[in-house]
Amino acid sequence: MSQTLHEIRTGLENNPFLKRTGFEILKFEEEDILLKLKIEPSHLNLNQTLHGGVHASMLETAQAMAIRSLYKTRVSVINVNIQYLMATSSGDLFARAIVFQKGYKIAGAEAEIRDSENRLIAKGSGVYKIIRE
């Protein structure tokens, strides 16, 4: 079932996982998504740097949001690839995604995480199934 951007954003903002991780939606427009994360001590690993699972979640979330904003329906991740480029342990992070492949059944997206000084922290790409109901 097709949804409006407002309906999709409202659903995402009320998602318990996004609330728990601390992801904040700064911008949610068609194919223009901006997520923010304020790094908290609970996001750190034993090395006292951002846990790789947080990077992965932020990248995958931004990619899925970008595709959902375009197709106006649910999506399901098929595959995600991540490159961890720079360790960080404090401050704010921002994720942006672009849709690079727009098919009927699947779509592809890329995302980057940057810090407040615009340093590239991590990047990734993913393939998603478009769920048509």
Protein backbone atom coordinates (compact mmCIF):
# COMPACT_ATOMS: atom_id res chain seq x y z
CA MET A 1 0.00 0.00 0.00
CA SER A 2 1.38 3.38 -1.00
CA GLN A 3 1.97 5.87 1.79
CA THR A 4 2.62 9.60 1.89
CA LEU A 5 6.00 10.95 2.98
CA HIS A 6 4.35 12.26 6.14
CA GLU A 7 2.91 8.84 7.01
CA ILE A 8 6.27 7.14 6.42
CA ARG A 9 8.16 9.72 8.50
CA THR A 10 5.65 9.52 11.35
CA GLY A 11 5.95 5.73 11.41
CA LEU A 12 9.73 5.92 11.44
CA GLU A 13 9.82 8.54 14.19
CA ASN A 14 7.65 6.27 16.35
CA ASN A 15 9.78 3.19 15.63
CA PRO A 16 11.16 1.80 18.93
CA PHE A 17 14.49 0.83 17.32
CA LEU A 18 15.15 4.35 16.04
CA LYS A 19 14.21 5.81 19.40
CA ARG A 20 16.48 3.35 21.24
CA THR A 21 19.49 3.99 19.01
CA GLY A 22 19.02 7.75 19.16
CA PHE A 23 18.72 8.34 15.41
CA GLU A 24 17.06 11.68 14.71
CA ILE A 25 15.48 12.44 11.35
CA LEU A 26 16.60 15.95 10.42
CA LYS A 27 15.32 15.82 6.85
CA PHE A 28 12.88 13.43 5.17
CA GLU A 29 12.00 14.36 1.62
CA GLU A 30 11.84 12.26 -1.52
CA GLU A 31 15.35 10.82 -1.97
CA ASP A 32 16.77 13.42 0.44
CA ILE A 33 17.30 11.97 3.89
CA LEU A 34 19.47 13.32 6.69
CA LEU A 35 19.91 11.40 9.94
CA LYS A 36 21.73 12.59 13.05
CA LEU A 37 23.18 10.65 15.94
CA LYS A 38 24.63 12.18 19.09
CA ILE A 39 27.19 9.64 20.25
CA GLU A 40 26.44 8.44 23.78
CA PRO A 41 28.53 6.15 26.01
CA SER A 42 26.07 3.31 25.26
CA HIS A 43 27.11 3.47 21.57
CA LEU A 44 30.77 2.68 22.32
CA ASN A 45 32.55 -0.67 22.12
CA LEU A 46 35.26 -2.04 24.44
CA ASN A 47 37.84 0.19 22.70
CA GLN A 48 35.72 3.22 23.63
CA THR A 49 34.97 3.98 19.97
CA LEU A 50 31.67 3.86 18.12
CA HIS A 51 30.54 0.25 17.79
CA GLY A 52 30.49 -1.07 14.22
CA GLY A 53 26.89 -2.15 14.66
CA VAL A 54 25.90 1.49 15.17
CA HIS A 55 27.61 2.43 11.90
CA ALA A 56 25.84 -0.44 10.14
CA SER A 57 22.45 0.47 11.58
CA MET A 58 22.80 4.13 10.68
CA LEU A 59 23.91 3.40 7.10
CA GLU A 60 21.21 0.78 6.53
CA THR A 61 18.52 2.97 8.06
CA ALA A 62 19.43 5.95 5.86
CA GLN A 63 19.48 3.77 2.73
CA ALA A 64 16.14 2.14 3.49
CA MET A 65 14.60 5.55 4.23
CA ALA A 66 15.84 6.96 0.93
CA ILE A 67 14.30 4.08 -1.00
CA ARG A 68 11.03 4.21 0.99
CA SER A 69 10.79 7.94 0.33
CA LEU A 70 10.99 7.25 -3.41
CA TYR A 71 8.71 4.19 -3.68
CA LYS A 72 6.28 5.18 -0.87
CA THR A 73 6.10 1.59 0.36
CA ARG A 74 7.94 -0.78 2.66
CA VAL A 75 11.30 -2.27 1.72
CA SER A 76 13.34 -5.21 2.97
CA VAL A 77 17.12 -5.31 2.98
CA ILE A 78 18.76 -8.00 0.84
CA ASN A 79 22.43 -7.09 1.30
CA VAL A 80 24.51 -4.35 2.90
CA ASN A 81 28.23 -3.66 2.49
CA ILE A 82 30.06 -1.36 4.89
CA GLN A 83 33.45 0.28 4.93
CA TYR A 84 34.63 1.53 8.33
CA LEU A 85 37.00 4.39 7.57
CA MET A 86 37.64 6.37 10.75
CA ALA A 87 37.13 5.68 14.44
CA THR A 88 35.19 8.19 16.50
CA SER A 89 33.97 8.28 20.06
CA SER A 90 32.13 11.56 20.64
CA GLY A 91 30.16 14.30 18.96
CA ASP A 92 27.45 14.23 16.33
CA LEU A 93 27.29 12.07 13.23
CA PHE A 94 25.21 12.65 10.11
CA ALA A 95 24.12 10.12 7.48
CA ARG A 96 22.92 10.82 3.96
CA ALA A 97 21.86 8.31 1.34
CA ILE A 98 21.25 8.30 -2.40
CA VAL A 99 19.33 5.81 -4.50
CA PHE A 100 21.54 4.65 -7.37
CA GLN A 101 19.44 1.82 -8.83
CA LYS A 102 15.69 2.13 -9.31
CA GLY A 103 14.08 -1.11 -10.40
CA TYR A 104 10.58 -2.48 -10.13
CA LYS A 105 11.46 -5.27 -7.68
CA ILE A 106 14.77 -4.11 -6.20
CA ALA A 107 16.59 -0.86 -5.60
CA GLY A 108 20.12 0.05 -4.59
CA ALA A 109 21.34 2.83 -2.33
CA GLU A 110 24.60 4.23 -0.99
CA ALA A 111 25.12 6.12 2.25
CA GLU A 112 27.87 8.00 4.06
CA ILE A 113 28.36 8.91 7.70
CA ARG A 114 30.24 12.13 8.39
CA ASP A 115 31.07 13.92 11.60
CA SER A 116 30.39 17.59 12.37
CA GLU A 117 33.73 18.48 10.77
CA ASN A 118 32.65 16.71 7.54
CA ARG A 119 35.17 13.87 7.99
CA LEU A 120 34.09 10.61 6.37
CA ILE A 121 33.56 8.04 9.13
CA ALA A 122 31.95 5.16 7.23
CA LYS A 123 30.18 4.45 3.98
CA GLY A 124 28.19 1.61 2.55
CA SER A 125 25.81 0.35 -0.07
CA GLY A 126 22.79 -1.88 0.00
CA VAL A 127 20.27 -3.71 -2.14
CA TYR A 128 16.62 -3.69 -1.08
CA LYS A 129 13.49 -5.56 -2.12
CA ILE A 130 10.52 -3.32 -2.87
CA ILE A 131 7.47 -4.71 -1.07
CA ARG A 132 4.45 -4.14 -3.27
CA GLU A 133 1.15 -5.00 -1.60
